[in-house]
Amino acid sequence: MRKSIVETATGQVLNVIEIEPDADWECADGCLLIDAGESGPGWTWDGATFTPPDVYVPSRLDILLYEGPATQVYNEATEVMDARPADDIAADKAELLGLLQTKLAESGDLTWEEMNKMMALERES
């Protein structure tokens, strides 16, 4: 039987365990043992239902800024990493520069990292 260990103060699911139905097992102080259903660590319990955590979906700006324009791509046929064409890498850099310039124009604010990246890309172009 799957059981969630829930912190009573926050409703946060700390862990999910498998336990025998007739097992005599108690949680630590400040925790509850509740039928887990589909819940998992990171979910929350409001006293009646479990709610999954929010899933962060990175924007295209985040992907290009933090992962950088991909210089290699996985080739399934050969099962090796192949170099991307220079034109594709240049297109990613141009897209990133445009996204940063748009963000600056719309919000008037960039993080230090975003500003440095934008200035480096402007120097390259």
PDB file of N, CA and C in Angstrom:
ATOM      1  N   MET A   1       0.849  -1.166   0.000  1.00  0.00           N
ATOM      2  CA  MET A   1       0.000   0.000   0.000  1.00  0.00           C
ATOM      3  C   MET A   1       0.902   1.239   0.000  1.00  0.00           C
ATOM      4  N   ARG A   2       0.611   2.174  -0.904  1.00  0.00           N
ATOM      5  CA  ARG A   2       1.382   3.422  -0.988  1.00  0.00           C
ATOM      6  C   ARG A   2       0.828   4.438  -0.003  1.00  0.00           C
ATOM      7  N   LYS A   3       1.741   5.034   0.772  1.00  0.00           N
ATOM      8  CA  LYS A   3       1.351   6.065   1.731  1.00  0.00           C
ATOM      9  C   LYS A   3       2.257   7.272   1.559  1.00  0.00           C
ATOM     10  N   SER A   4       1.654   8.452   1.676  1.00  0.00           N
ATOM     11  CA  SER A   4       2.411   9.697   1.632  1.00  0.00           C
ATOM     12  C   SER A   4       2.719  10.145   3.053  1.00  0.00           C
ATOM     13  N   ILE A   5       3.952  10.558   3.257  1.00  0.00           N
ATOM     14  CA  ILE A   5       4.335  11.173   4.525  1.00  0.00           C
ATOM     15  C   ILE A   5       4.190  12.675   4.315  1.00  0.00           C
ATOM     16  N   VAL A   6       3.227  13.272   5.035  1.00  0.00           N
ATOM     17  CA  VAL A   6       2.870  14.679   4.840  1.00  0.00           C
ATOM     18  C   VAL A   6       3.249  15.478   6.090  1.00  0.00           C
ATOM     19  N   GLU A   7       3.967  16.576   5.872  1.00  0.00           N
ATOM     20  CA  GLU A   7       4.301  17.486   6.963  1.00  0.00           C
ATOM     21  C   GLU A   7       3.037  18.266   7.321  1.00  0.00           C
ATOM     22  N   THR A   8       2.604  18.174   8.575  1.00  0.00           N
ATOM     23  CA  THR A   8       1.330  18.782   8.959  1.00  0.00           C
ATOM     24  C   THR A   8       1.360  20.307   8.899  1.00  0.00           C
ATOM     25  N   ALA A   9       2.484  20.919   9.183  1.00  0.00           N
ATOM     26  CA  ALA A   9       2.558  22.389   9.202  1.00  0.00           C
ATOM     27  C   ALA A   9       2.391  22.999   7.819  1.00  0.00           C
ATOM     28  N   THR A  10       2.887  22.306   6.797  1.00  0.00           N
ATOM     29  CA  THR A  10       2.868  22.879   5.443  1.00  0.00           C
ATOM     30  C   THR A  10       1.983  22.136   4.470  1.00  0.00           C
ATOM     31  N   GLY A  11       1.633  20.882   4.787  1.00  0.00           N
ATOM     32  CA  GLY A  11       0.879  20.059   3.844  1.00  0.00           C
ATOM     33  C   GLY A  11       1.756  19.487   2.747  1.00  0.00           C
ATOM     34  N   GLN A  12       3.057  19.669   2.858  1.00  0.00           N
ATOM     35  CA  GLN A  12       4.010  19.199   1.842  1.00  0.00           C
ATOM     36  C   GLN A  12       4.217  17.695   1.959  1.00  0.00           C
ATOM     37  N   VAL A  13       4.146  16.982   0.817  1.00  0.00           N
ATOM     38  CA  VAL A  13       4.459  15.553   0.805  1.00  0.00           C
ATOM     39  C   VAL A  13       5.984  15.426   0.827  1.00  0.00           C
ATOM     40  N   LEU A  14       6.489  14.830   1.890  1.00  0.00           N
ATOM     41  CA  LEU A  14       7.930  14.686   2.044  1.00  0.00           C
ATOM     42  C   LEU A  14       8.454  13.434   1.351  1.00  0.00           C
ATOM     43  N   ASN A  15       7.636  12.382   1.356  1.00  0.00           N
ATOM     44  CA  ASN A  15       8.062  11.131   0.755  1.00  0.00           C
ATOM     45  C   ASN A  15       6.841  10.255   0.545  1.00  0.00           C
ATOM     46  N   VAL A  16       6.984   9.239  -0.292  1.00  0.00           N
ATOM     47  CA  VAL A  16       5.947   8.228  -0.492  1.00  0.00           C
ATOM     48  C   VAL A  16       6.603   6.886  -0.227  1.00  0.00           C
ATOM     49  N   ILE A  17       5.953   6.067   0.569  1.00  0.00           N
ATOM     50  CA  ILE A  17       6.514   4.766   0.929  1.00  0.00           C
ATOM     51  C   ILE A  17       5.534   3.647   0.605  1.00  0.00           C
ATOM     52  N   GLU A  18       6.072   2.447   0.500  1.00  0.00           N
ATOM     53  CA  GLU A  18       5.255   1.233   0.379  1.00  0.00           C
ATOM     54  C   GLU A  18       5.233   0.597   1.758  1.00  0.00           C
ATOM     55  N   ILE A  19       4.048   0.282   2.241  1.00  0.00           N
ATOM     56  CA  ILE A  19       3.913  -0.289   3.579  1.00  0.00           C
ATOM     57  C   ILE A  19       2.830  -1.359   3.543  1.00  0.00           C
ATOM     58  N   GLU A  20       3.028  -2.392   4.310  1.00  0.00           N
ATOM     59  CA  GLU A  20       2.022  -3.460   4.406  1.00  0.00           C
ATOM     60  C   GLU A  20       0.767  -2.883   5.064  1.00  0.00           C
ATOM     61  N   PRO A  21      -0.418  -3.284   4.611  1.00  0.00           N
ATOM     62  CA  PRO A  21      -1.667  -2.741   5.162  1.00  0.00           C
ATOM     63  C   PRO A  21      -1.796  -2.908   6.679  1.00  0.00           C
ATOM     64  N   ASP A  22      -1.272  -3.997   7.223  1.00  0.00           N
ATOM     65  CA  ASP A  22      -1.424  -4.236   8.660  1.00  0.00           C
ATOM     66  C   ASP A  22      -0.176  -3.843   9.464  1.00  0.00           C
ATOM     67  N   ALA A  23       0.761  -3.138   8.831  1.00  0.00           N
ATOM     68  CA  ALA A  23       2.004  -2.753   9.512  1.00  0.00           C
ATOM     69  C   ALA A  23       1.728  -1.735  10.613  1.00  0.00           C
ATOM     70  N   ASP A  24       2.453  -1.881  11.703  1.00  0.00           N
ATOM     71  CA  ASP A  24       2.332  -0.952  12.831  1.00  0.00           C
ATOM     72  C   ASP A  24       3.483   0.039  12.723  1.00  0.00           C
ATOM     73  N   TRP A  25       3.280   1.083  11.950  1.00  0.00           N
ATOM     74  CA  TRP A  25       4.334   2.066  11.670  1.00  0.00           C
ATOM     75  C   TRP A  25       3.790   3.457  11.908  1.00  0.00           C
ATOM     76  N   GLU A  26       4.546   4.278  12.596  1.00  0.00           N
ATOM     77  CA  GLU A  26       4.109   5.636  12.888  1.00  0.00           C
ATOM     78  C   GLU A  26       5.085   6.638  12.295  1.00  0.00           C
ATOM     79  N   CYS A  27       4.536   7.767  11.871  1.00  0.00           N
ATOM     80  CA  CYS A  27       5.359   8.869  11.346  1.00  0.00           C
ATOM     81  C   CYS A  27       6.040   9.605  12.481  1.00  0.00           C
ATOM     82  N   ALA A  28       7.030  10.369  12.121  1.00  0.00           N
ATOM     83  CA  ALA A  28       7.684  11.258  13.079  1.00  0.00           C
ATOM     84  C   ALA A  28       6.686  12.332  13.515  1.00  0.00           C
ATOM     85  N   ASP A  29       6.971  12.972  14.636  1.00  0.00           N
ATOM     86  CA  ASP A  29       6.118  14.068  15.097  1.00  0.00           C
ATOM     87  C   ASP A  29       6.042  15.142  14.015  1.00  0.00           C
ATOM     88  N   GLY A  30       4.853  15.691  13.840  1.00  0.00           N
ATOM     89  CA  GLY A  30       4.662  16.746  12.850  1.00  0.00           C
ATOM     90  C   GLY A  30       4.360  16.233  11.459  1.00  0.00           C
ATOM     91  N   CYS A  31       4.132  14.931  11.342  1.00  0.00           N
ATOM     92  CA  CYS A  31       3.824  14.343  10.028  1.00  0.00           C
ATOM     93  C   CYS A  31       2.585  13.460  10.120  1.00  0.00           C
ATOM     94  N   LEU A  32       1.947  13.266   8.975  1.00  0.00           N
ATOM     95  CA  LEU A  32       0.796  12.374   8.846  1.00  0.00           C
ATOM     96  C   LEU A  32       1.115  11.309   7.817  1.00  0.00           C
ATOM     97  N   LEU A  33       0.480  10.161   7.933  1.00  0.00           N
ATOM     98  CA  LEU A  33       0.593   9.090   6.955  1.00  0.00           C
ATOM     99  C   LEU A  33      -0.770   8.966   6.281  1.00  0.00           C
ATOM    100  N   ILE A  34      -0.817   9.256   4.964  1.00  0.00           N
ATOM    101  CA  ILE A  34      -2.084   9.316   4.230  1.00  0.00           C
ATOM    102  C   ILE A  34      -1.978   8.450   2.986  1.00  0.00           C
ATOM    103  N   ASP A  35      -3.091   7.784   2.602  1.00  0.00           N
ATOM    104  CA  ASP A  35      -3.095   7.029   1.346  1.00  0.00           C
ATOM    105  C   ASP A  35      -2.594   7.926   0.228  1.00  0.00           C
ATOM    106  N   ALA A  36      -1.577   7.470  -0.492  1.00  0.00           N
ATOM    107  CA  ALA A  36      -0.876   8.319  -1.445  1.00  0.00           C
ATOM    108  C   ALA A  36      -1.643   8.588  -2.737  1.00  0.00           C
ATOM    109  N   GLY A  37      -2.438   7.637  -3.176  1.00  0.00           N
ATOM    110  CA  GLY A  37      -3.064   7.814  -4.489  1.00  0.00           C
ATOM    111  C   GLY A  37      -1.972   8.009  -5.540  1.00  0.00           C
ATOM    112  N   GLU A  38      -2.074   9.051  -6.327  1.00  0.00           N
ATOM    113  CA  GLU A  38      -1.078   9.354  -7.369  1.00  0.00           C
ATOM    114  C   GLU A  38      -0.027  10.354  -6.896  1.00  0.00           C
ATOM    115  N   SER A  39      -0.092  10.779  -5.638  1.00  0.00           N
ATOM    116  CA  SER A  39       0.805  11.829  -5.145  1.00  0.00           C
ATOM    117  C   SER A  39       2.253  11.360  -5.090  1.00  0.00           C
ATOM    118  N   GLY A  40       3.130  12.337  -4.959  1.00  0.00           N
ATOM    119  CA  GLY A  40       4.552  12.066  -4.842  1.00  0.00           C
ATOM    120  C   GLY A  40       5.223  13.195  -4.087  1.00  0.00           C
ATOM    121  N   PRO A  41       6.518  13.052  -3.805  1.00  0.00           N
ATOM    122  CA  PRO A  41       7.240  14.122  -3.115  1.00  0.00           C
ATOM    123  C   PRO A  41       7.076  15.459  -3.854  1.00  0.00           C
ATOM    124  N   GLY A  42       6.850  16.512  -3.075  1.00  0.00           N
ATOM    125  CA  GLY A  42       6.656  17.837  -3.662  1.00  0.00           C
ATOM    126  C   GLY A  42       5.193  18.213  -3.821  1.00  0.00           C
ATOM    127  N   TRP A  43       4.298  17.250  -3.784  1.00  0.00           N
ATOM    128  CA  TRP A  43       2.871  17.537  -3.859  1.00  0.00           C
ATOM    129  C   TRP A  43       2.433  18.166  -2.538  1.00  0.00           C
ATOM    130  N   THR A  44       1.239  18.719  -2.516  1.00  0.00           N
ATOM    131  CA  THR A  44       0.703  19.272  -1.279  1.00  0.00           C
ATOM    132  C   THR A  44      -0.630  18.608  -0.947  1.00  0.00           C
ATOM    133  N   TRP A  45      -0.934  18.565   0.340  1.00  0.00           N
ATOM    134  CA  TRP A  45      -2.158  17.979   0.876  1.00  0.00           C
ATOM    135  C   TRP A  45      -2.903  19.085   1.605  1.00  0.00           C
ATOM    136  N   ASP A  46      -4.158  19.330   1.231  1.00  0.00           N
ATOM    137  CA  ASP A  46      -4.942  20.396   1.866  1.00  0.00           C
ATOM    138  C   ASP A  46      -5.911  19.868   2.920  1.00  0.00           C
ATOM    139  N   GLY A  47      -5.772  18.614   3.267  1.00  0.00           N
ATOM    140  CA  GLY A  47      -6.670  17.986   4.230  1.00  0.00           C
ATOM    141  C   GLY A  47      -7.723  17.135   3.566  1.00  0.00           C
ATOM    142  N   ALA A  48      -7.870  17.298   2.246  1.00  0.00           N
ATOM    143  CA  ALA A  48      -8.865  16.509   1.512  1.00  0.00           C
ATOM    144  C   ALA A  48      -8.303  15.935   0.209  1.00  0.00           C
ATOM    145  N   THR A  49      -7.485  16.715  -0.476  1.00  0.00           N
ATOM    146  CA  THR A  49      -6.961  16.274  -1.773  1.00  0.00           C
ATOM    147  C   THR A  49      -5.480  16.631  -1.911  1.00  0.00           C
ATOM    148  N   PHE A  50      -4.806  15.877  -2.780  1.00  0.00           N
ATOM    149  CA  PHE A  50      -3.417  16.157  -3.130  1.00  0.00           C
ATOM    150  C   PHE A  50      -3.381  17.052  -4.368  1.00  0.00           C
ATOM    151  N   THR A  51      -2.417  17.953  -4.419  1.00  0.00           N
ATOM    152  CA  THR A  51      -2.227  18.832  -5.572  1.00  0.00           C
ATOM    153  C   THR A  51      -0.782  18.697  -6.041  1.00  0.00           C
ATOM    154  N   PRO A  52      -0.587  18.452  -7.357  1.00  0.00           N
ATOM    155  CA  PRO A  52       0.793  18.319  -7.851  1.00  0.00           C
ATOM    156  C   PRO A  52       1.504  19.673  -7.838  1.00  0.00           C
ATOM    157  N   PRO A  53       2.831  19.648  -7.808  1.00  0.00           N
ATOM    158  CA  PRO A  53       3.576  20.905  -7.852  1.00  0.00           C
ATOM    159  C   PRO A  53       3.456  21.541  -9.231  1.00  0.00           C
ATOM    160  N   ASP A  54       3.642  22.857  -9.280  1.00  0.00           N
ATOM    161  CA  ASP A  54       3.658  23.548 -10.566  1.00  0.00           C
ATOM    162  C   ASP A  54       4.875  23.083 -11.357  1.00  0.00           C
ATOM    163  N   VAL A  55       4.696  22.934 -12.644  1.00  0.00           N
ATOM    164  CA  VAL A  55       5.784  22.525 -13.519  1.00  0.00           C
ATOM    165  C   VAL A  55       6.304  23.755 -14.241  1.00  0.00           C
ATOM    166  N   TYR A  56       7.598  23.999 -14.107  1.00  0.00           N
ATOM    167  CA  TYR A  56       8.214  25.145 -14.779  1.00  0.00           C
ATOM    168  C   TYR A  56       8.522  24.766 -16.219  1.00  0.00           C
ATOM    169  N   VAL A  57       8.032  25.562 -17.147  1.00  0.00           N
ATOM    170  CA  VAL A  57       8.331  25.370 -18.563  1.00  0.00           C
ATOM    171  C   VAL A  57       9.175  26.564 -18.997  1.00  0.00           C
ATOM    172  N   PRO A  58      10.445  26.316 -19.324  1.00  0.00           N
ATOM    173  CA  PRO A  58      11.306  27.447 -19.686  1.00  0.00           C
ATOM    174  C   PRO A  58      10.889  28.090 -20.997  1.00  0.00           C
ATOM    175  N   SER A  59      11.063  29.400 -21.058  1.00  0.00           N
ATOM    176  CA  SER A  59      10.772  30.127 -22.296  1.00  0.00           C
ATOM    177  C   SER A  59      11.920  29.913 -23.280  1.00  0.00           C
ATOM    178  N   ARG A  60      11.694  30.301 -24.510  1.00  0.00           N
ATOM    179  CA  ARG A  60      12.756  30.195 -25.521  1.00  0.00           C
ATOM    180  C   ARG A  60      13.964  31.046 -25.103  1.00  0.00           C
ATOM    181  N   LEU A  61      13.703  32.209 -24.503  1.00  0.00           N
ATOM    182  CA  LEU A  61      14.789  33.060 -24.014  1.00  0.00           C
ATOM    183  C   LEU A  61      15.601  32.318 -22.956  1.00  0.00           C
ATOM    184  N   ASP A  62      14.940  31.667 -22.007  1.00  0.00           N
ATOM    185  CA  ASP A  62      15.649  30.914 -20.972  1.00  0.00           C
ATOM    186  C   ASP A  62      16.504  29.804 -21.581  1.00  0.00           C
ATOM    187  N   ILE A  63      15.939  29.093 -22.538  1.00  0.00           N
ATOM    188  CA  ILE A  63      16.670  27.988 -23.164  1.00  0.00           C
ATOM    189  C   ILE A  63      17.924  28.503 -23.855  1.00  0.00           C
ATOM    190  N   LEU A  64      17.780  29.528 -24.672  1.00  0.00           N
ATOM    191  CA  LEU A  64      18.937  30.051 -25.395  1.00  0.00           C
ATOM    192  C   LEU A  64      19.937  30.727 -24.462  1.00  0.00           C
ATOM    193  N   LEU A  65      19.442  31.414 -23.446  1.00  0.00           N
ATOM    194  CA  LEU A  65      20.330  32.140 -22.543  1.00  0.00           C
ATOM    195  C   LEU A  65      21.115  31.189 -21.649  1.00  0.00           C
ATOM    196  N   TYR A  66      20.460  30.217 -21.081  1.00  0.00           N
ATOM    197  CA  TYR A  66      21.118  29.375 -20.092  1.00  0.00           C
ATOM    198  C   TYR A  66      21.722  28.096 -20.667  1.00  0.00           C
ATOM    199  N   GLU A  67      21.182  27.602 -21.762  1.00  0.00           N
ATOM    200  CA  GLU A  67      21.778  26.435 -22.383  1.00  0.00           C
ATOM    201  C   GLU A  67      22.672  26.843 -23.546  1.00  0.00           C
ATOM    202  N   GLY A  68      22.456  28.032 -24.056  1.00  0.00           N
ATOM    203  CA  GLY A  68      23.269  28.535 -25.163  1.00  0.00           C
ATOM    204  C   GLY A  68      22.831  27.939 -26.482  1.00  0.00           C
ATOM    205  N   PRO A  69      23.157  28.615 -27.566  1.00  0.00           N
ATOM    206  CA  PRO A  69      22.862  28.041 -28.882  1.00  0.00           C
ATOM    207  C   PRO A  69      23.575  26.701 -29.022  1.00  0.00           C
ATOM    208  N   ALA A  70      22.831  25.681 -29.374  1.00  0.00           N
ATOM    209  CA  ALA A  70      23.403  24.339 -29.477  1.00  0.00           C
ATOM    210  C   ALA A  70      24.437  24.285 -30.595  1.00  0.00           C
ATOM    211  N   THR A  71      25.617  23.814 -30.265  1.00  0.00           N
ATOM    212  CA  THR A  71      26.665  23.670 -31.268  1.00  0.00           C
ATOM    213  C   THR A  71      26.746  22.254 -31.787  1.00  0.00           C
ATOM    214  N   GLN A  72      26.031  21.334 -31.103  1.00  0.00           N
ATOM    215  CA  GLN A  72      25.989  19.950 -31.540  1.00  0.00           C
ATOM    216  C   GLN A  72      24.556  19.441 -31.431  1.00  0.00           C
ATOM    217  N   VAL A  73      24.251  18.433 -32.197  1.00  0.00           N
ATOM    218  CA  VAL A  73      22.929  17.819 -32.161  1.00  0.00           C
ATOM    219  C   VAL A  73      23.104  16.305 -32.267  1.00  0.00           C
ATOM    220  N   TYR A  74      22.252  15.566 -31.552  1.00  0.00           N
ATOM    221  CA  TYR A  74      22.347  14.102 -31.546  1.00  0.00           C
ATOM    222  C   TYR A  74      21.815  13.537 -32.850  1.00  0.00           C
ATOM    223  N   ASN A  75      22.609  12.704 -33.493  1.00  0.00           N
ATOM    224  CA  ASN A  75      22.216  12.057 -34.740  1.00  0.00           C
ATOM    225  C   ASN A  75      21.776  10.640 -34.397  1.00  0.00           C
ATOM    226  N   GLU A  76      20.467  10.373 -34.483  1.00  0.00           N
ATOM    227  CA  GLU A  76      19.948   9.055 -34.110  1.00  0.00           C
ATOM    228  C   GLU A  76      20.467   7.949 -35.018  1.00  0.00           C
ATOM    229  N   ALA A  77      20.719   8.263 -36.279  1.00  0.00           N
ATOM    230  CA  ALA A  77      21.180   7.238 -37.221  1.00  0.00           C
ATOM    231  C   ALA A  77      22.568   6.722 -36.853  1.00  0.00           C
ATOM    232  N   THR A  78      23.460   7.622 -36.471  1.00  0.00           N
ATOM    233  CA  THR A  78      24.835   7.219 -36.155  1.00  0.00           C
ATOM    234  C   THR A  78      25.089   7.123 -34.655  1.00  0.00           C
ATOM    235  N   GLU A  79      24.133   7.614 -33.855  1.00  0.00           N
ATOM    236  CA  GLU A  79      24.235   7.625 -32.400  1.00  0.00           C
ATOM    237  C   GLU A  79      25.454   8.399 -31.905  1.00  0.00           C
ATOM    238  N   VAL A  80      25.771   9.487 -32.593  1.00  0.00           N
ATOM    239  CA  VAL A  80      26.865  10.369 -32.169  1.00  0.00           C
ATOM    240  C   VAL A  80      26.389  11.813 -32.255  1.00  0.00           C
ATOM    241  N   MET A  81      27.144  12.678 -31.616  1.00  0.00           N
ATOM    242  CA  MET A  81      26.840  14.107 -31.688  1.00  0.00           C
ATOM    243  C   MET A  81      27.516  14.683 -32.929  1.00  0.00           C
ATOM    244  N   ASP A  82      26.741  15.346 -33.771  1.00  0.00           N
ATOM    245  CA  ASP A  82      27.261  15.986 -34.971  1.00  0.00           C
ATOM    246  C   ASP A  82      27.293  17.492 -34.759  1.00  0.00           C
ATOM    247  N   ALA A  83      28.269  18.135 -35.357  1.00  0.00           N
ATOM    248  CA  ALA A  83      28.350  19.589 -35.291  1.00  0.00           C
ATOM    249  C   ALA A  83      27.171  20.180 -36.058  1.00  0.00           C
ATOM    250  N   ARG A  84      26.569  21.237 -35.481  1.00  0.00           N
ATOM    251  CA  ARG A  84      25.490  21.930 -36.179  1.00  0.00           C
ATOM    252  C   ARG A  84      26.098  22.870 -37.202  1.00  0.00           C
ATOM    253  N   PRO A  85      25.385  23.106 -38.286  1.00  0.00           N
ATOM    254  CA  PRO A  85      25.884  24.067 -39.276  1.00  0.00           C
ATOM    255  C   PRO A  85      26.045  25.456 -38.649  1.00  0.00           C
ATOM    256  N   ALA A  86      27.075  26.151 -39.073  1.00  0.00           N
ATOM    257  CA  ALA A  86      27.357  27.489 -38.540  1.00  0.00           C
ATOM    258  C   ALA A  86      26.171  28.428 -38.728  1.00  0.00           C
ATOM    259  N   ASP A  87      25.437  28.284 -39.828  1.00  0.00           N
ATOM    260  CA  ASP A  87      24.276  29.143 -40.071  1.00  0.00           C
ATOM    261  C   ASP A  87      23.193  28.937 -39.005  1.00  0.00           C
ATOM    262  N   ASP A  88      23.019  27.684 -38.545  1.00  0.00           N
ATOM    263  CA  ASP A  88      22.029  27.404 -37.507  1.00  0.00           C
ATOM    264  C   ASP A  88      22.441  28.026 -36.177  1.00  0.00           C
ATOM    265  N   ILE A  89      23.717  27.934 -35.855  1.00  0.00           N
ATOM    266  CA  ILE A  89      24.223  28.529 -34.618  1.00  0.00           C
ATOM    267  C   ILE A  89      24.076  30.049 -34.675  1.00  0.00           C
ATOM    268  N   ALA A  90      24.401  30.631 -35.815  1.00  0.00           N
ATOM    269  CA  ALA A  90      24.261  32.080 -35.986  1.00  0.00           C
ATOM    270  C   ALA A  90      22.798  32.498 -35.856  1.00  0.00           C
ATOM    271  N   ALA A  91      21.888  31.685 -36.386  1.00  0.00           N
ATOM    272  CA  ALA A  91      20.451  31.999 -36.285  1.00  0.00           C
ATOM    273  C   ALA A  91      19.997  31.972 -34.827  1.00  0.00           C
ATOM    274  N   ASP A  92      20.485  31.004 -34.045  1.00  0.00           N
ATOM    275  CA  ASP A  92      20.149  30.960 -32.615  1.00  0.00           C
ATOM    276  C   ASP A  92      20.660  32.197 -31.897  1.00  0.00           C
ATOM    277  N   LYS A  93      21.879  32.608 -32.200  1.00  0.00           N
ATOM    278  CA  LYS A  93      22.459  33.797 -31.568  1.00  0.00           C
ATOM    279  C   LYS A  93      21.670  35.048 -31.943  1.00  0.00           C
ATOM    280  N   ALA A  94      21.274  35.151 -33.203  1.00  0.00           N
ATOM    281  CA  ALA A  94      20.485  36.308 -33.643  1.00  0.00           C
ATOM    282  C   ALA A  94      19.117  36.313 -32.958  1.00  0.00           C
ATOM    283  N   GLU A  95      18.530  35.136 -32.811  1.00  0.00           N
ATOM    284  CA  GLU A  95      17.240  35.037 -32.119  1.00  0.00           C
ATOM    285  C   GLU A  95      17.386  35.450 -30.654  1.00  0.00           C
ATOM    286  N   LEU A  96      18.444  34.980 -29.996  1.00  0.00           N
ATOM    287  CA  LEU A  96      18.677  35.341 -28.602  1.00  0.00           C
ATOM    288  C   LEU A  96      18.875  36.843 -28.456  1.00  0.00           C
ATOM    289  N   LEU A  97      19.647  37.444 -29.333  1.00  0.00           N
ATOM    290  CA  LEU A  97      19.858  38.893 -29.288  1.00  0.00           C
ATOM    291  C   LEU A  97      18.527  39.623 -29.453  1.00  0.00           C
ATOM    292  N   GLY A  98      17.714  39.187 -30.395  1.00  0.00           N
ATOM    293  CA  GLY A  98      16.407  39.813 -30.610  1.00  0.00           C
ATOM    294  C   GLY A  98      15.490  39.680 -29.399  1.00  0.00           C
ATOM    295  N   LEU A  99      15.497  38.506 -28.768  1.00  0.00           N
ATOM    296  CA  LEU A  99      14.670  38.298 -27.577  1.00  0.00           C
ATOM    297  C   LEU A  99      15.122  39.197 -26.421  1.00  0.00           C
ATOM    298  N   LEU A 100      16.437  39.328 -26.250  1.00  0.00           N
ATOM    299  CA  LEU A 100      16.959  40.193 -25.186  1.00  0.00           C
ATOM    300  C   LEU A 100      16.633  41.661 -25.460  1.00  0.00           C
ATOM    301  N   GLN A 101      16.779  42.091 -26.712  1.00  0.00           N
ATOM    302  CA  GLN A 101      16.465  43.478 -27.065  1.00  0.00           C
ATOM    303  C   GLN A 101      14.980  43.760 -26.863  1.00  0.00           C
ATOM    304  N   THR A 102      14.125  42.808 -27.212  1.00  0.00           N
ATOM    305  CA  THR A 102      12.689  42.966 -27.023  1.00  0.00           C
ATOM    306  C   THR A 102      12.344  43.061 -25.542  1.00  0.00           C
ATOM    307  N   LYS A 103      12.954  42.200 -24.736  1.00  0.00           N
ATOM    308  CA  LYS A 103      12.694  42.242 -23.297  1.00  0.00           C
ATOM    309  C   LYS A 103      13.122  43.588 -22.716  1.00  0.00           C
ATOM    310  N   LEU A 104      14.280  44.088 -23.140  1.00  0.00           N
ATOM    311  CA  LEU A 104      14.751  45.380 -22.655  1.00  0.00           C
ATOM    312  C   LEU A 104      13.803  46.499 -23.072  1.00  0.00           C
ATOM    313  N   ALA A 105      13.342  46.470 -24.315  1.00  0.00           N
ATOM    314  CA  ALA A 105      12.439  47.507 -24.819  1.00  0.00           C
ATOM    315  C   ALA A 105      11.086  47.462 -24.094  1.00  0.00           C
ATOM    316  N   GLU A 106      10.591  46.251 -23.804  1.00  0.00           N
ATOM    317  CA  GLU A 106       9.269  46.121 -23.181  1.00  0.00           C
ATOM    318  C   GLU A 106       9.277  46.377 -21.676  1.00  0.00           C
ATOM    319  N   SER A 107      10.317  45.898 -20.998  1.00  0.00           N
ATOM    320  CA  SER A 107      10.325  46.016 -19.534  1.00  0.00           C
ATOM    321  C   SER A 107      11.292  47.075 -19.024  1.00  0.00           C
ATOM    322  N   GLY A 108      12.259  47.435 -19.857  1.00  0.00           N
ATOM    323  CA  GLY A 108      13.273  48.400 -19.432  1.00  0.00           C
ATOM    324  C   GLY A 108      14.247  47.815 -18.431  1.00  0.00           C
ATOM    325  N   ASP A 109      14.246  46.491 -18.281  1.00  0.00           N
ATOM    326  CA  ASP A 109      15.088  45.879 -17.267  1.00  0.00           C
ATOM    327  C   ASP A 109      15.598  44.527 -17.748  1.00  0.00           C
ATOM    328  N   LEU A 110      16.889  44.294 -17.536  1.00  0.00           N
ATOM    329  CA  LEU A 110      17.511  42.999 -17.791  1.00  0.00           C
ATOM    330  C   LEU A 110      18.331  42.628 -16.568  1.00  0.00           C
ATOM    331  N   THR A 111      18.504  41.327 -16.353  1.00  0.00           N
ATOM    332  CA  THR A 111      19.404  40.902 -15.289  1.00  0.00           C
ATOM    333  C   THR A 111      20.827  41.204 -15.733  1.00  0.00           C
ATOM    334  N   TRP A 112      21.748  41.142 -14.788  1.00  0.00           N
ATOM    335  CA  TRP A 112      23.155  41.389 -15.097  1.00  0.00           C
ATOM    336  C   TRP A 112      23.623  40.396 -16.153  1.00  0.00           C
ATOM    337  N   GLU A 113      23.245  39.120 -15.995  1.00  0.00           N
ATOM    338  CA  GLU A 113      23.641  38.084 -16.942  1.00  0.00           C
ATOM    339  C   GLU A 113      23.057  38.342 -18.330  1.00  0.00           C
ATOM    340  N   GLU A 114      21.796  38.730 -18.378  1.00  0.00           N
ATOM    341  CA  GLU A 114      21.154  39.023 -19.666  1.00  0.00           C
ATOM    342  C   GLU A 114      21.830  40.205 -20.358  1.00  0.00           C
ATOM    343  N   MET A 115      22.155  41.249 -19.590  1.00  0.00           N
ATOM    344  CA  MET A 115      22.799  42.427 -20.170  1.00  0.00           C
ATOM    345  C   MET A 115      24.182  42.071 -20.715  1.00  0.00           C
ATOM    346  N   ASN A 116      24.946  41.301 -19.964  1.00  0.00           N
ATOM    347  CA  ASN A 116      26.273  40.894 -20.444  1.00  0.00           C
ATOM    348  C   ASN A 116      26.181  40.060 -21.713  1.00  0.00           C
ATOM    349  N   LYS A 117      25.224  39.150 -21.753  1.00  0.00           N
ATOM    350  CA  LYS A 117      25.051  38.308 -22.941  1.00  0.00           C
ATOM    351  C   LYS A 117      24.647  39.158 -24.140  1.00  0.00           C
ATOM    352  N   MET A 118      23.737  40.104 -23.923  1.00  0.00           N
ATOM    353  CA  MET A 118      23.300  40.964 -25.016  1.00  0.00           C
ATOM    354  C   MET A 118      24.470  41.786 -25.552  1.00  0.00           C
ATOM    355  N   MET A 119      25.276  42.338 -24.664  1.00  0.00           N
ATOM    356  CA  MET A 119      26.422  43.131 -25.121  1.00  0.00           C
ATOM    357  C   MET A 119      27.443  42.273 -25.872  1.00  0.00           C
ATOM    358  N   ALA A 120      27.661  41.042 -25.410  1.00  0.00           N
ATOM    359  CA  ALA A 120      28.590  40.134 -26.114  1.00  0.00           C
ATOM    360  C   ALA A 120      28.066  39.803 -27.496  1.00  0.00           C
ATOM    361  N   LEU A 121      26.764  39.541 -27.614  1.00  0.00           N
ATOM    362  CA  LEU A 121      26.181  39.234 -28.923  1.00  0.00           C
ATOM    363  C   LEU A 121      26.227  40.437 -29.852  1.00  0.00           C
ATOM    364  N   GLU A 122      26.009  41.627 -29.291  1.00  0.00           N
ATOM    365  CA  GLU A 122      26.081  42.840 -30.125  1.00  0.00           C
ATOM    366  C   GLU A 122      27.499  43.062 -30.633  1.00  0.00           C
ATOM    367  N   ARG A 123      28.499  42.750 -29.808  1.00  0.00           N
ATOM    368  CA  ARG A 123      29.896  42.881 -30.252  1.00  0.00           C
ATOM    369  C   ARG A 123      30.204  41.907 -31.369  1.00  0.00           C
ATOM    370  N   GLU A 124      29.624  40.688 -31.314  1.00  0.00           N
ATOM    371  CA  GLU A 124      29.860  39.668 -32.337  1.00  0.00           C
ATOM    372  C   GLU A 124      29.245  40.055 -33.679  1.00  0.00           C
ATOM    373  N   SER A 125      28.122  40.764 -33.614  1.00  0.00           N
ATOM    374  CA  SER A 125      27.401  41.033 -34.872  1.00  0.00           C
ATOM    375  C   SER A 125      27.905  42.275 -35.574  1.00  0.00           C
TER     376      SER A 125
END
